């Protein structure tokens, strides 16, 4: 959360994008506490950088879908499907939904 507040004050958009990616990469998406913390941080960043945040969330969603489709096809074709991998991909969706909620809560009106 504090990291999100700091990012909301940064004027450099490239740094904001890089650090948003770091937030997503370092979040354990199967932990409710970390999902909520990630979403709160992203919401705070949206106070000043709503366009960057929405673009980043869209890209994360597309990347997640591409990884999921790729992993499903590889492992299903090889008959080596591991159900725990499915949990890893499914658990990112609640994080993204929480992020959109916190963005809506914190973004400036107008």
N, C-alpha and C. Protein backbone atom coordinates (compact mmCIF):
# COMPACT_ATOMS: atom_id res chain seq x y z
N UNK A 1 0.83 -1.18 0.00
CA UNK A 1 0.00 0.00 0.00
C UNK A 1 0.88 1.25 0.00
N UNK A 2 1.87 1.30 0.87
CA UNK A 2 2.76 2.46 0.93
C UNK A 2 3.49 2.65 -0.39
N UNK A 3 3.84 1.53 -1.01
CA UNK A 3 4.52 1.60 -2.30
C UNK A 3 3.61 2.22 -3.35
N UNK A 4 2.33 1.90 -3.30
CA UNK A 4 1.36 2.48 -4.22
C UNK A 4 1.22 3.97 -4.03
N UNK A 5 1.22 4.42 -2.79
CA UNK A 5 1.14 5.86 -2.51
C UNK A 5 2.37 6.56 -3.05
N UNK A 6 3.54 5.96 -2.87
CA UNK A 6 4.77 6.53 -3.41
C UNK A 6 4.72 6.60 -4.93
N UNK A 7 4.26 5.53 -5.56
CA UNK A 7 4.17 5.53 -7.03
C UNK A 7 3.18 6.56 -7.54
N UNK A 8 2.13 6.83 -6.78
CA UNK A 8 1.14 7.81 -7.23
C UNK A 8 1.75 9.21 -7.30
N UNK A 9 2.83 9.44 -6.57
CA UNK A 9 3.48 10.75 -6.57
C UNK A 9 4.62 10.85 -7.59
N UNK A 10 4.95 9.76 -8.26
CA UNK A 10 6.05 9.77 -9.23
C UNK A 10 5.60 10.38 -10.55
N UNK A 11 6.38 11.31 -11.08
CA UNK A 11 6.00 11.91 -12.36
C UNK A 11 6.41 11.07 -13.58
N UNK A 12 7.40 10.21 -13.43
CA UNK A 12 7.94 9.45 -14.57
C UNK A 12 7.08 8.22 -14.85
N UNK A 13 6.40 8.23 -15.99
CA UNK A 13 5.47 7.15 -16.30
C UNK A 13 6.17 5.82 -16.56
N UNK A 14 7.38 5.85 -17.11
CA UNK A 14 8.08 4.59 -17.37
C UNK A 14 8.43 3.87 -16.07
N UNK A 15 8.79 4.64 -15.05
CA UNK A 15 9.07 4.02 -13.75
C UNK A 15 7.81 3.45 -13.14
N UNK A 16 6.70 4.14 -13.31
CA UNK A 16 5.43 3.66 -12.77
C UNK A 16 5.06 2.33 -13.41
N UNK A 17 5.21 2.22 -14.72
CA UNK A 17 4.90 0.97 -15.42
C UNK A 17 5.79 -0.16 -14.93
N UNK A 18 7.09 0.12 -14.81
CA UNK A 18 8.03 -0.91 -14.35
C UNK A 18 7.71 -1.37 -12.94
N UNK A 19 7.40 -0.43 -12.06
CA UNK A 19 7.11 -0.80 -10.68
C UNK A 19 5.75 -1.48 -10.53
N UNK A 20 4.80 -1.12 -11.37
CA UNK A 20 3.52 -1.85 -11.35
C UNK A 20 3.74 -3.31 -11.73
N UNK A 21 4.58 -3.53 -12.73
CA UNK A 21 4.90 -4.90 -13.12
C UNK A 21 5.58 -5.64 -11.97
N UNK A 22 6.46 -4.95 -11.26
CA UNK A 22 7.14 -5.57 -10.12
C UNK A 22 6.14 -5.94 -9.03
N UNK A 23 5.13 -5.11 -8.83
CA UNK A 23 4.10 -5.41 -7.83
C UNK A 23 3.39 -6.71 -8.21
N UNK A 24 2.99 -6.84 -9.47
CA UNK A 24 2.30 -8.05 -9.92
C UNK A 24 3.20 -9.28 -9.87
N UNK A 25 4.46 -9.10 -10.26
CA UNK A 25 5.39 -10.24 -10.28
C UNK A 25 5.69 -10.77 -8.88
N UNK A 26 5.71 -9.89 -7.90
CA UNK A 26 6.10 -10.28 -6.55
C UNK A 26 4.92 -10.58 -5.64
N UNK A 27 3.72 -10.58 -6.18
CA UNK A 27 2.54 -10.89 -5.39
C UNK A 27 2.26 -12.39 -5.46
N UNK A 28 2.00 -12.98 -4.31
CA UNK A 28 1.55 -14.37 -4.25
C UNK A 28 0.04 -14.33 -4.48
N UNK A 29 -0.39 -14.65 -5.69
CA UNK A 29 -1.79 -14.48 -6.08
C UNK A 29 -2.73 -15.51 -5.46
N UNK A 30 -2.19 -16.44 -4.71
CA UNK A 30 -3.06 -17.38 -4.01
C UNK A 30 -3.27 -16.98 -2.55
N UNK A 31 -2.66 -15.88 -2.13
CA UNK A 31 -2.82 -15.36 -0.78
C UNK A 31 -3.79 -14.18 -0.80
N UNK A 32 -4.87 -14.28 -0.06
CA UNK A 32 -5.88 -13.22 -0.04
C UNK A 32 -5.29 -11.91 0.47
N UNK A 33 -4.41 -11.99 1.45
CA UNK A 33 -3.80 -10.78 2.00
C UNK A 33 -2.94 -10.10 0.95
N UNK A 34 -2.15 -10.87 0.21
CA UNK A 34 -1.31 -10.28 -0.82
C UNK A 34 -2.12 -9.79 -2.01
N UNK A 35 -3.20 -10.48 -2.34
CA UNK A 35 -4.09 -10.01 -3.41
C UNK A 35 -4.64 -8.63 -3.05
N UNK A 36 -5.12 -8.50 -1.82
CA UNK A 36 -5.70 -7.24 -1.38
C UNK A 36 -4.65 -6.14 -1.32
N UNK A 37 -3.46 -6.46 -0.84
CA UNK A 37 -2.39 -5.47 -0.77
C UNK A 37 -1.99 -4.99 -2.16
N UNK A 38 -1.89 -5.92 -3.09
CA UNK A 38 -1.58 -5.56 -4.48
C UNK A 38 -2.65 -4.64 -5.04
N UNK A 39 -3.91 -5.00 -4.82
CA UNK A 39 -5.02 -4.20 -5.34
C UNK A 39 -5.05 -2.81 -4.72
N UNK A 40 -4.79 -2.72 -3.42
CA UNK A 40 -4.76 -1.40 -2.77
C UNK A 40 -3.65 -0.54 -3.35
N UNK A 41 -2.47 -1.12 -3.56
CA UNK A 41 -1.36 -0.37 -4.13
C UNK A 41 -1.69 0.11 -5.53
N UNK A 42 -2.26 -0.76 -6.34
CA UNK A 42 -2.64 -0.38 -7.71
C UNK A 42 -3.71 0.72 -7.68
N UNK A 43 -4.64 0.62 -6.75
CA UNK A 43 -5.67 1.65 -6.61
C UNK A 43 -5.08 3.00 -6.26
N UNK A 44 -4.11 3.02 -5.36
CA UNK A 44 -3.47 4.29 -5.00
C UNK A 44 -2.70 4.88 -6.18
N UNK A 45 -2.05 4.03 -6.97
CA UNK A 45 -1.34 4.53 -8.15
C UNK A 45 -2.33 5.18 -9.12
N UNK A 46 -3.54 4.65 -9.18
CA UNK A 46 -4.56 5.18 -10.10
C UNK A 46 -5.00 6.59 -9.73
N UNK A 47 -4.71 7.04 -8.52
CA UNK A 47 -5.07 8.41 -8.15
C UNK A 47 -4.42 9.42 -9.08
N UNK A 48 -3.20 9.13 -9.52
CA UNK A 48 -2.47 10.06 -10.39
C UNK A 48 -2.20 9.52 -11.79
N UNK A 49 -2.28 8.22 -11.96
CA UNK A 49 -1.89 7.59 -13.23
C UNK A 49 -2.94 6.60 -13.69
N UNK A 50 -4.19 7.02 -13.75
CA UNK A 50 -5.28 6.09 -14.06
C UNK A 50 -5.13 5.46 -15.45
N UNK A 51 -4.68 6.23 -16.42
CA UNK A 51 -4.52 5.68 -17.77
C UNK A 51 -3.43 4.61 -17.82
N UNK A 52 -2.34 4.83 -17.12
CA UNK A 52 -1.25 3.85 -17.07
C UNK A 52 -1.72 2.59 -16.37
N UNK A 53 -2.44 2.75 -15.27
CA UNK A 53 -2.91 1.60 -14.49
C UNK A 53 -3.88 0.76 -15.30
N UNK A 54 -4.84 1.40 -15.97
CA UNK A 54 -5.81 0.64 -16.75
C UNK A 54 -5.15 -0.11 -17.90
N UNK A 55 -4.19 0.53 -18.55
CA UNK A 55 -3.45 -0.14 -19.61
C UNK A 55 -2.66 -1.33 -19.06
N UNK A 56 -2.04 -1.13 -17.90
CA UNK A 56 -1.26 -2.21 -17.29
C UNK A 56 -2.15 -3.38 -16.89
N UNK A 57 -3.31 -3.10 -16.31
CA UNK A 57 -4.23 -4.17 -15.93
C UNK A 57 -4.70 -4.95 -17.15
N UNK A 58 -4.97 -4.24 -18.24
CA UNK A 58 -5.37 -4.91 -19.48
C UNK A 58 -4.25 -5.81 -20.00
N UNK A 59 -3.02 -5.31 -19.96
CA UNK A 59 -1.88 -6.10 -20.43
C UNK A 59 -1.63 -7.31 -19.54
N UNK A 60 -1.77 -7.14 -18.23
CA UNK A 60 -1.59 -8.27 -17.31
C UNK A 60 -2.64 -9.33 -17.59
N UNK A 61 -3.88 -8.90 -17.85
CA UNK A 61 -4.95 -9.84 -18.13
C UNK A 61 -4.66 -10.61 -19.43
N UNK A 62 -4.20 -9.90 -20.46
CA UNK A 62 -3.88 -10.56 -21.73
C UNK A 62 -2.70 -11.52 -21.57
N UNK A 63 -1.68 -11.10 -20.83
CA UNK A 63 -0.52 -11.97 -20.61
C UNK A 63 -0.92 -13.21 -19.83
N UNK A 64 -1.77 -13.04 -18.83
CA UNK A 64 -2.23 -14.17 -18.02
C UNK A 64 -3.01 -15.16 -18.88
N UNK A 65 -3.88 -14.65 -19.75
CA UNK A 65 -4.65 -15.54 -20.63
C UNK A 65 -3.73 -16.28 -21.59
N UNK A 66 -2.74 -15.58 -22.14
CA UNK A 66 -1.81 -16.22 -23.07
C UNK A 66 -1.00 -17.31 -22.37
N UNK A 67 -0.53 -17.04 -21.16
CA UNK A 67 0.22 -18.05 -20.40
C UNK A 67 -0.65 -19.26 -20.10
N UNK A 68 -1.89 -18.99 -19.73
CA UNK A 68 -2.80 -20.07 -19.38
C UNK A 68 -3.07 -20.95 -20.60
N UNK A 69 -3.36 -20.34 -21.74
CA UNK A 69 -3.63 -21.12 -22.95
C UNK A 69 -2.41 -21.92 -23.37
N UNK A 70 -1.25 -21.31 -23.29
CA UNK A 70 -0.01 -21.99 -23.66
C UNK A 70 0.27 -23.16 -22.73
N UNK A 71 0.13 -22.95 -21.45
CA UNK A 71 0.39 -24.02 -20.48
C UNK A 71 -0.61 -25.15 -20.63
N UNK A 72 -1.88 -24.81 -20.85
CA UNK A 72 -2.90 -25.84 -21.00
C UNK A 72 -2.61 -26.70 -22.22
N UNK A 73 -2.28 -26.08 -23.34
CA UNK A 73 -2.05 -26.86 -24.55
C UNK A 73 -0.80 -27.73 -24.44
N UNK A 74 0.25 -27.20 -23.86
CA UNK A 74 1.49 -27.97 -23.74
C UNK A 74 1.28 -29.18 -22.84
N UNK A 75 0.70 -28.96 -21.67
CA UNK A 75 0.58 -30.05 -20.70
C UNK A 75 -0.53 -31.03 -21.05
N UNK A 76 -1.57 -30.55 -21.64
CA UNK A 76 -2.64 -31.48 -22.04
C UNK A 76 -2.17 -32.36 -23.19
N UNK A 77 -1.43 -31.77 -24.12
CA UNK A 77 -0.92 -32.56 -25.24
C UNK A 77 0.07 -33.62 -24.75
N UNK A 78 0.85 -33.29 -23.76
CA UNK A 78 1.85 -34.22 -23.25
C UNK A 78 1.29 -35.15 -22.18
N UNK A 79 0.02 -34.99 -21.83
CA UNK A 79 -0.63 -35.79 -20.79
C UNK A 79 0.11 -35.70 -19.46
N UNK A 80 0.64 -34.53 -19.20
CA UNK A 80 1.36 -34.31 -17.95
C UNK A 80 0.70 -33.16 -17.18
N UNK A 81 -0.59 -33.07 -17.24
CA UNK A 81 -1.29 -31.95 -16.63
C UNK A 81 -1.16 -32.00 -15.11
N UNK A 82 -0.81 -30.89 -14.54
CA UNK A 82 -0.65 -30.76 -13.09
C UNK A 82 -1.73 -29.81 -12.59
N UNK A 83 -2.71 -30.28 -11.83
CA UNK A 83 -3.81 -29.42 -11.38
C UNK A 83 -3.36 -28.20 -10.59
N UNK A 84 -2.23 -28.25 -9.92
CA UNK A 84 -1.77 -27.09 -9.16
C UNK A 84 -1.42 -25.92 -10.07
N UNK A 85 -1.04 -26.20 -11.32
CA UNK A 85 -0.74 -25.12 -12.26
C UNK A 85 -2.00 -24.36 -12.61
N UNK A 86 -3.12 -25.05 -12.70
CA UNK A 86 -4.38 -24.39 -12.99
C UNK A 86 -4.72 -23.40 -11.88
N UNK A 87 -4.47 -23.79 -10.64
CA UNK A 87 -4.73 -22.91 -9.51
C UNK A 87 -3.91 -21.63 -9.59
N UNK A 88 -2.66 -21.76 -10.06
CA UNK A 88 -1.79 -20.59 -10.18
C UNK A 88 -2.38 -19.58 -11.16
N UNK A 89 -2.93 -20.06 -12.28
CA UNK A 89 -3.48 -19.16 -13.28
C UNK A 89 -4.83 -18.61 -12.86
N UNK A 90 -5.65 -19.42 -12.24
CA UNK A 90 -6.98 -18.98 -11.83
C UNK A 90 -6.89 -17.95 -10.72
N UNK A 91 -5.90 -18.07 -9.84
CA UNK A 91 -5.83 -17.19 -8.70
C UNK A 91 -5.44 -15.75 -9.05
N UNK A 92 -4.93 -15.50 -10.25
CA UNK A 92 -4.60 -14.13 -10.64
C UNK A 92 -5.86 -13.34 -10.97
N UNK A 93 -6.91 -14.01 -11.37
CA UNK A 93 -8.15 -13.32 -11.73
C UNK A 93 -8.75 -12.55 -10.57
N UNK A 94 -8.84 -13.14 -9.37
CA UNK A 94 -9.36 -12.35 -8.25
C UNK A 94 -8.50 -11.12 -7.94
N UNK A 95 -7.19 -11.25 -8.11
CA UNK A 95 -6.31 -10.10 -7.89
C UNK A 95 -6.65 -8.99 -8.87
N UNK A 96 -6.83 -9.35 -10.13
CA UNK A 96 -7.17 -8.35 -11.14
C UNK A 96 -8.53 -7.71 -10.87
N UNK A 97 -9.50 -8.51 -10.46
CA UNK A 97 -10.82 -7.95 -10.14
C UNK A 97 -10.74 -7.00 -8.95
N UNK A 98 -9.98 -7.37 -7.94
CA UNK A 98 -9.78 -6.47 -6.81
C UNK A 98 -9.09 -5.18 -7.26
N UNK A 99 -8.11 -5.31 -8.14
CA UNK A 99 -7.42 -4.12 -8.66
C UNK A 99 -8.39 -3.17 -9.34
N UNK A 100 -9.25 -3.71 -10.20
CA UNK A 100 -10.24 -2.86 -10.87
C UNK A 100 -11.15 -2.18 -9.85
N UNK A 101 -11.52 -2.88 -8.80
CA UNK A 101 -12.35 -2.29 -7.76
C UNK A 101 -11.66 -1.14 -7.05
N UNK A 102 -10.40 -1.33 -6.69
CA UNK A 102 -9.66 -0.28 -6.00
C UNK A 102 -9.34 0.88 -6.94
N UNK A 103 -9.16 0.60 -8.22
CA UNK A 103 -8.97 1.69 -9.20
C UNK A 103 -10.24 2.53 -9.26
N UNK A 104 -11.39 1.88 -9.33
CA UNK A 104 -12.67 2.60 -9.37
C UNK A 104 -12.86 3.42 -8.09
N UNK A 105 -12.43 2.90 -6.97
CA UNK A 105 -12.58 3.59 -5.70
C UNK A 105 -11.67 4.82 -5.60
N UNK A 106 -10.46 4.72 -6.14
CA UNK A 106 -9.45 5.76 -5.93
C UNK A 106 -9.20 6.70 -7.10
N UNK A 107 -9.69 6.37 -8.29
CA UNK A 107 -9.38 7.23 -9.44
C UNK A 107 -10.13 8.55 -9.32
N UNK A 108 -9.54 9.61 -9.88
CA UNK A 108 -10.19 10.92 -9.81
C UNK A 108 -11.46 10.95 -10.66
N UNK A 109 -12.44 11.68 -10.19
CA UNK A 109 -13.69 11.82 -10.93
C UNK A 109 -13.52 12.85 -12.03
N UNK A 110 -14.10 12.54 -13.18
CA UNK A 110 -14.08 13.52 -14.25
C UNK A 110 -13.12 13.28 -15.28
